[in-house]
Amino acid sequence: MDFKKGLTITIILLLIGLGVAIIMGSNQSSDVFFINDFDAIVNNSIPAKKNKNYTYQIVRIKGETNDSIKIKPCETCETVVLKGKISQKFRHDFKDGTSKMQFDPYKATSGHLKIVHKIR
């Protein structure tokens, strides 16, 4: 293998490694839930890391239910009732402390939901 090919392959591998590290590092402050069982309330907390600056917290919920659910996207937020086909994103200011989210199946007994809770 000549020098140019070796250098090109090395650079490509370094860039791929850097991209993976960035993606993994940025996703450490997030949780994903797949809700198929509507029997339990889900309470989730994500603590802020020390010496890291945050600007907002996000809760994204997508899917479908047969009846009403309740979502409280942050500790100081009002509870929101959703039902049927759902595609909703909640974004609120967040600086430090712990980001809290609550999902309550409420009247829903079946369906499928994906909930992403993260801080950025």
N, C-alpha and C. Protein backbone atom coordinates (compact mmCIF):
# COMPACT_ATOMS: atom_id res chain seq x y z
N MET A 1 0.86 -1.17 0.00
CA MET A 1 0.00 0.00 0.00
C MET A 1 0.91 1.23 0.00
N ASP A 2 0.60 2.18 -0.84
CA ASP A 2 1.44 3.38 -0.89
C ASP A 2 1.05 4.35 0.23
N PHE A 3 1.89 5.35 0.42
CA PHE A 3 1.74 6.30 1.52
C PHE A 3 0.42 7.07 1.46
N LYS A 4 0.00 7.51 0.27
CA LYS A 4 -1.23 8.31 0.14
C LYS A 4 -2.46 7.50 0.52
N LYS A 5 -2.52 6.24 0.10
CA LYS A 5 -3.67 5.39 0.46
C LYS A 5 -3.71 5.15 1.97
N GLY A 6 -2.56 4.87 2.55
CA GLY A 6 -2.49 4.64 4.00
C GLY A 6 -2.91 5.87 4.78
N LEU A 7 -2.45 7.04 4.36
CA LEU A 7 -2.82 8.29 5.01
C LEU A 7 -4.31 8.55 4.87
N THR A 8 -4.87 8.33 3.69
CA THR A 8 -6.30 8.53 3.44
C THR A 8 -7.13 7.61 4.33
N ILE A 9 -6.77 6.34 4.43
CA ILE A 9 -7.51 5.39 5.25
C ILE A 9 -7.41 5.79 6.72
N THR A 10 -6.23 6.21 7.17
CA THR A 10 -6.05 6.63 8.56
C THR A 10 -6.93 7.83 8.88
N ILE A 11 -6.96 8.81 7.99
CA ILE A 11 -7.79 10.00 8.20
C ILE A 11 -9.27 9.63 8.25
N ILE A 12 -9.71 8.77 7.35
CA ILE A 12 -11.11 8.35 7.34
C ILE A 12 -11.47 7.63 8.64
N LEU A 13 -10.61 6.74 9.10
CA LEU A 13 -10.88 6.02 10.35
C LEU A 13 -10.90 6.97 11.55
N LEU A 14 -10.02 7.95 11.57
CA LEU A 14 -10.04 8.94 12.65
C LEU A 14 -11.32 9.77 12.65
N LEU A 15 -11.78 10.16 11.46
CA LEU A 15 -13.02 10.93 11.37
C LEU A 15 -14.23 10.10 11.80
N ILE A 16 -14.26 8.84 11.42
CA ILE A 16 -15.36 7.97 11.84
C ILE A 16 -15.33 7.81 13.36
N GLY A 17 -14.14 7.59 13.93
CA GLY A 17 -14.01 7.47 15.38
C GLY A 17 -14.44 8.73 16.10
N LEU A 18 -14.06 9.89 15.58
CA LEU A 18 -14.47 11.16 16.16
C LEU A 18 -15.99 11.32 16.11
N GLY A 19 -16.60 10.97 14.98
CA GLY A 19 -18.06 11.06 14.84
C GLY A 19 -18.78 10.17 15.83
N VAL A 20 -18.30 8.95 16.00
CA VAL A 20 -18.90 8.03 16.97
C VAL A 20 -18.76 8.57 18.38
N ALA A 21 -17.59 9.11 18.71
CA ALA A 21 -17.37 9.67 20.05
C ALA A 21 -18.30 10.85 20.32
N ILE A 22 -18.49 11.70 19.32
CA ILE A 22 -19.39 12.85 19.48
C ILE A 22 -20.82 12.38 19.69
N ILE A 23 -21.26 11.43 18.90
CA ILE A 23 -22.63 10.91 19.02
C ILE A 23 -22.84 10.26 20.38
N MET A 24 -21.90 9.42 20.80
CA MET A 24 -22.05 8.75 22.10
C MET A 24 -22.00 9.75 23.24
N GLY A 25 -21.14 10.73 23.16
CA GLY A 25 -21.04 11.75 24.21
C GLY A 25 -22.28 12.60 24.31
N SER A 26 -22.86 12.94 23.18
CA SER A 26 -24.04 13.80 23.20
C SER A 26 -25.29 13.06 23.65
N ASN A 27 -25.31 11.74 23.56
CA ASN A 27 -26.49 10.98 23.94
C ASN A 27 -26.43 10.46 25.38
N GLN A 28 -25.42 10.81 26.13
CA GLN A 28 -25.32 10.32 27.50
C GLN A 28 -26.34 10.96 28.42
N SER A 29 -26.93 12.07 28.01
CA SER A 29 -27.93 12.74 28.84
C SER A 29 -29.32 12.55 28.26
N SER A 30 -29.61 11.32 27.83
CA SER A 30 -30.94 11.05 27.29
C SER A 30 -31.36 9.62 27.61
N ASP A 31 -32.67 9.43 27.67
CA ASP A 31 -33.26 8.11 27.89
C ASP A 31 -34.38 7.92 26.88
N VAL A 32 -34.55 6.68 26.42
CA VAL A 32 -35.60 6.34 25.46
C VAL A 32 -36.45 5.23 26.05
N PHE A 33 -37.76 5.38 25.96
CA PHE A 33 -38.71 4.38 26.45
C PHE A 33 -39.62 3.95 25.32
N PHE A 34 -39.85 2.66 25.22
CA PHE A 34 -40.82 2.12 24.28
C PHE A 34 -41.97 1.57 25.12
N ILE A 35 -43.13 2.20 25.03
CA ILE A 35 -44.28 1.83 25.86
C ILE A 35 -45.22 0.96 25.04
N ASN A 36 -45.35 -0.29 25.45
CA ASN A 36 -46.32 -1.21 24.86
C ASN A 36 -47.24 -1.78 25.93
N ASP A 37 -46.84 -1.63 27.18
CA ASP A 37 -47.60 -2.10 28.33
C ASP A 37 -48.13 -0.87 29.06
N PHE A 38 -49.42 -0.70 29.08
CA PHE A 38 -50.04 0.50 29.64
C PHE A 38 -50.57 0.26 31.06
N ASP A 39 -49.78 -0.46 31.86
CA ASP A 39 -50.18 -0.77 33.23
C ASP A 39 -49.44 0.05 34.28
N ALA A 40 -48.35 0.72 33.90
CA ALA A 40 -47.52 1.37 34.91
C ALA A 40 -47.17 2.81 34.54
N ILE A 41 -47.04 3.62 35.56
CA ILE A 41 -46.58 5.00 35.39
C ILE A 41 -45.05 4.97 35.26
N VAL A 42 -44.51 5.79 34.38
CA VAL A 42 -43.07 5.89 34.20
C VAL A 42 -42.61 7.25 34.72
N ASN A 43 -41.73 7.23 35.70
CA ASN A 43 -41.09 8.44 36.21
C ASN A 43 -39.62 8.36 35.82
N ASN A 44 -39.11 9.38 35.18
CA ASN A 44 -37.72 9.37 34.76
C ASN A 44 -37.02 10.65 35.20
N SER A 45 -35.77 10.50 35.61
CA SER A 45 -34.95 11.64 36.02
C SER A 45 -33.61 11.57 35.32
N ILE A 46 -33.14 12.71 34.84
CA ILE A 46 -31.81 12.80 34.25
C ILE A 46 -31.06 13.90 35.00
N PRO A 47 -30.04 13.53 35.77
CA PRO A 47 -29.28 14.55 36.50
C PRO A 47 -28.30 15.28 35.57
N ALA A 48 -28.16 16.56 35.78
CA ALA A 48 -27.19 17.34 35.01
C ALA A 48 -25.79 16.98 35.49
N LYS A 49 -24.85 16.95 34.57
CA LYS A 49 -23.46 16.68 34.92
C LYS A 49 -22.81 17.95 35.40
N LYS A 50 -21.92 17.82 36.37
CA LYS A 50 -21.19 18.98 36.88
C LYS A 50 -20.28 19.52 35.79
N ASN A 51 -20.10 20.82 35.79
CA ASN A 51 -19.22 21.50 34.85
C ASN A 51 -19.67 21.38 33.39
N LYS A 52 -20.96 21.13 33.18
CA LYS A 52 -21.49 21.08 31.82
C LYS A 52 -22.65 22.06 31.75
N ASN A 53 -22.69 22.85 30.70
CA ASN A 53 -23.75 23.84 30.53
C ASN A 53 -24.90 23.25 29.71
N TYR A 54 -26.11 23.45 30.20
CA TYR A 54 -27.31 22.99 29.51
C TYR A 54 -28.18 24.21 29.23
N THR A 55 -29.03 24.10 28.21
CA THR A 55 -29.93 25.20 27.90
C THR A 55 -31.40 24.75 27.91
N TYR A 56 -31.66 23.49 27.61
CA TYR A 56 -33.05 23.06 27.59
C TYR A 56 -33.19 21.56 27.82
N GLN A 57 -34.42 21.16 28.14
CA GLN A 57 -34.80 19.76 28.28
C GLN A 57 -35.89 19.47 27.25
N ILE A 58 -35.85 18.28 26.72
CA ILE A 58 -36.79 17.90 25.66
C ILE A 58 -37.47 16.59 26.04
N VAL A 59 -38.77 16.52 25.80
CA VAL A 59 -39.51 15.26 25.85
C VAL A 59 -40.24 15.15 24.53
N ARG A 60 -39.96 14.07 23.81
CA ARG A 60 -40.60 13.83 22.52
C ARG A 60 -41.37 12.52 22.63
N ILE A 61 -42.64 12.56 22.25
CA ILE A 61 -43.49 11.38 22.35
C ILE A 61 -44.15 11.14 20.99
N LYS A 62 -44.06 9.90 20.53
CA LYS A 62 -44.58 9.56 19.21
C LYS A 62 -45.21 8.17 19.26
N GLY A 63 -46.32 8.00 18.59
CA GLY A 63 -46.98 6.70 18.53
C GLY A 63 -48.48 6.82 18.49
N GLU A 64 -49.14 5.80 19.04
CA GLU A 64 -50.59 5.74 18.98
C GLU A 64 -51.13 5.03 20.21
N THR A 65 -52.29 5.51 20.71
CA THR A 65 -52.95 4.88 21.86
C THR A 65 -54.44 4.74 21.58
N ASN A 66 -55.08 3.84 22.32
CA ASN A 66 -56.51 3.64 22.14
C ASN A 66 -57.35 4.61 22.95
N ASP A 67 -56.70 5.33 23.90
CA ASP A 67 -57.43 6.29 24.74
C ASP A 67 -56.44 7.32 25.29
N SER A 68 -56.85 8.08 26.26
CA SER A 68 -56.06 9.20 26.79
C SER A 68 -54.87 8.76 27.63
N ILE A 69 -53.76 9.48 27.48
CA ILE A 69 -52.59 9.34 28.34
C ILE A 69 -52.28 10.71 28.93
N LYS A 70 -51.46 10.72 29.99
CA LYS A 70 -51.01 11.98 30.57
C LYS A 70 -49.49 12.02 30.50
N ILE A 71 -48.96 13.18 30.17
CA ILE A 71 -47.52 13.37 30.16
C ILE A 71 -47.21 14.68 30.89
N LYS A 72 -46.26 14.61 31.78
CA LYS A 72 -45.77 15.81 32.47
C LYS A 72 -44.31 15.95 32.05
N PRO A 73 -44.03 16.81 31.06
CA PRO A 73 -42.70 16.85 30.46
C PRO A 73 -41.60 17.46 31.31
N CYS A 74 -41.94 18.16 32.38
CA CYS A 74 -40.92 18.69 33.30
C CYS A 74 -41.56 18.88 34.67
N GLU A 75 -40.72 19.05 35.67
CA GLU A 75 -41.22 19.12 37.04
C GLU A 75 -42.17 20.29 37.27
N THR A 76 -41.91 21.43 36.63
CA THR A 76 -42.76 22.61 36.82
C THR A 76 -43.83 22.76 35.75
N CYS A 77 -43.89 21.83 34.81
CA CYS A 77 -44.85 21.89 33.70
C CYS A 77 -46.23 21.38 34.13
N GLU A 78 -47.23 21.85 33.42
CA GLU A 78 -48.58 21.33 33.58
C GLU A 78 -48.67 19.95 32.92
N THR A 79 -49.52 19.09 33.45
CA THR A 79 -49.76 17.79 32.84
C THR A 79 -50.59 17.98 31.58
N VAL A 80 -50.20 17.28 30.51
CA VAL A 80 -50.89 17.37 29.22
C VAL A 80 -51.56 16.03 28.94
N VAL A 81 -52.80 16.06 28.46
CA VAL A 81 -53.53 14.86 28.10
C VAL A 81 -53.51 14.73 26.58
N LEU A 82 -53.10 13.55 26.09
CA LEU A 82 -53.03 13.27 24.66
C LEU A 82 -53.72 11.95 24.38
N LYS A 83 -54.20 11.76 23.15
CA LYS A 83 -54.78 10.46 22.78
C LYS A 83 -54.76 10.27 21.28
N GLY A 84 -54.95 9.03 20.86
CA GLY A 84 -54.96 8.71 19.44
C GLY A 84 -53.57 8.69 18.85
N LYS A 85 -53.45 9.23 17.64
CA LYS A 85 -52.14 9.32 17.00
C LYS A 85 -51.41 10.52 17.58
N ILE A 86 -50.20 10.26 18.12
CA ILE A 86 -49.47 11.29 18.86
C ILE A 86 -48.11 11.54 18.23
N SER A 87 -47.79 12.81 18.04
CA SER A 87 -46.46 13.25 17.64
C SER A 87 -46.27 14.62 18.27
N GLN A 88 -45.67 14.62 19.44
CA GLN A 88 -45.59 15.84 20.24
C GLN A 88 -44.18 16.03 20.77
N LYS A 89 -43.71 17.28 20.78
CA LYS A 89 -42.40 17.61 21.33
C LYS A 89 -42.57 18.74 22.33
N PHE A 90 -41.99 18.55 23.52
CA PHE A 90 -42.02 19.56 24.57
C PHE A 90 -40.58 20.01 24.81
N ARG A 91 -40.36 21.31 24.82
CA ARG A 91 -39.02 21.85 25.05
C ARG A 91 -39.12 22.96 26.09
N HIS A 92 -38.33 22.84 27.16
CA HIS A 92 -38.36 23.81 28.24
C HIS A 92 -36.94 24.16 28.66
N ASP A 93 -36.78 25.37 29.19
CA ASP A 93 -35.48 25.82 29.67
C ASP A 93 -34.97 24.89 30.77
N PHE A 94 -33.67 24.67 30.78
CA PHE A 94 -33.03 23.83 31.79
C PHE A 94 -31.59 24.27 31.95
N LYS A 95 -31.17 24.53 33.17
CA LYS A 95 -29.80 24.96 33.43
C LYS A 95 -29.01 23.90 34.19
N ASP A 96 -29.55 23.46 35.34
CA ASP A 96 -28.86 22.46 36.15
C ASP A 96 -29.86 21.77 37.06
N GLY A 97 -29.38 20.84 37.85
CA GLY A 97 -30.27 20.08 38.73
C GLY A 97 -30.64 18.76 38.08
N THR A 98 -31.91 18.42 38.17
CA THR A 98 -32.39 17.16 37.61
C THR A 98 -33.63 17.41 36.76
N SER A 99 -33.59 16.91 35.55
CA SER A 99 -34.75 16.99 34.65
C SER A 99 -35.66 15.80 34.95
N LYS A 100 -36.93 16.08 35.23
CA LYS A 100 -37.88 15.01 35.56
C LYS A 100 -39.03 15.00 34.57
N MET A 101 -39.46 13.78 34.23
CA MET A 101 -40.56 13.58 33.30
C MET A 101 -41.44 12.46 33.85
N GLN A 102 -42.76 12.59 33.64
CA GLN A 102 -43.66 11.53 34.08
C GLN A 102 -44.64 11.18 32.96
N PHE A 103 -44.79 9.86 32.72
CA PHE A 103 -45.78 9.34 31.79
C PHE A 103 -46.79 8.52 32.58
N ASP A 104 -48.08 8.81 32.37
CA ASP A 104 -49.16 8.09 33.04
C ASP A 104 -50.08 7.52 31.96
N PRO A 105 -50.28 6.18 31.93
CA PRO A 105 -51.16 5.60 30.91
C PRO A 105 -52.62 6.05 31.02
N TYR A 106 -53.01 6.60 32.16
CA TYR A 106 -54.33 7.17 32.41
C TYR A 106 -55.44 6.22 31.96
N LYS A 107 -56.15 6.51 30.87
CA LYS A 107 -57.25 5.66 30.40
C LYS A 107 -56.83 4.69 29.30
N ALA A 108 -55.64 4.86 28.74
CA ALA A 108 -55.19 4.00 27.64
C ALA A 108 -54.85 2.60 28.15
N THR A 109 -55.23 1.60 27.38
CA THR A 109 -54.93 0.21 27.73
C THR A 109 -54.09 -0.48 26.68
N SER A 110 -53.96 0.14 25.50
CA SER A 110 -53.14 -0.47 24.46
C SER A 110 -52.60 0.62 23.53
N GLY A 111 -51.62 0.22 22.76
CA GLY A 111 -50.99 1.13 21.82
C GLY A 111 -49.49 0.92 21.81
N HIS A 112 -48.79 1.83 21.22
CA HIS A 112 -47.33 1.78 21.18
C HIS A 112 -46.81 3.22 21.14
N LEU A 113 -45.88 3.51 22.02
CA LEU A 113 -45.32 4.86 22.11
C LEU A 113 -43.80 4.78 22.23
N LYS A 114 -43.16 5.78 21.69
CA LYS A 114 -41.72 5.97 21.90
C LYS A 114 -41.59 7.33 22.59
N ILE A 115 -40.95 7.34 23.76
CA ILE A 115 -40.73 8.59 24.49
C ILE A 115 -39.24 8.80 24.63
N VAL A 116 -38.78 9.98 24.20
CA VAL A 116 -37.38 10.36 24.34
C VAL A 116 -37.33 11.51 25.33
N HIS A 117 -36.52 11.36 26.36
CA HIS A 117 -36.33 12.38 27.39
C HIS A 117 -34.85 12.74 27.41
N LYS A 118 -34.51 14.01 27.16
CA LYS A 118 -33.10 14.38 27.14
C LYS A 118 -32.88 15.81 27.60
N ILE A 119 -31.63 16.08 27.97
CA ILE A 119 -31.23 17.43 28.31
C ILE A 119 -30.07 17.82 27.40
N ARG A 120 -30.07 19.07 26.97
CA ARG A 120 -29.03 19.59 26.05
C ARG A 120 -28.61 20.96 26.49
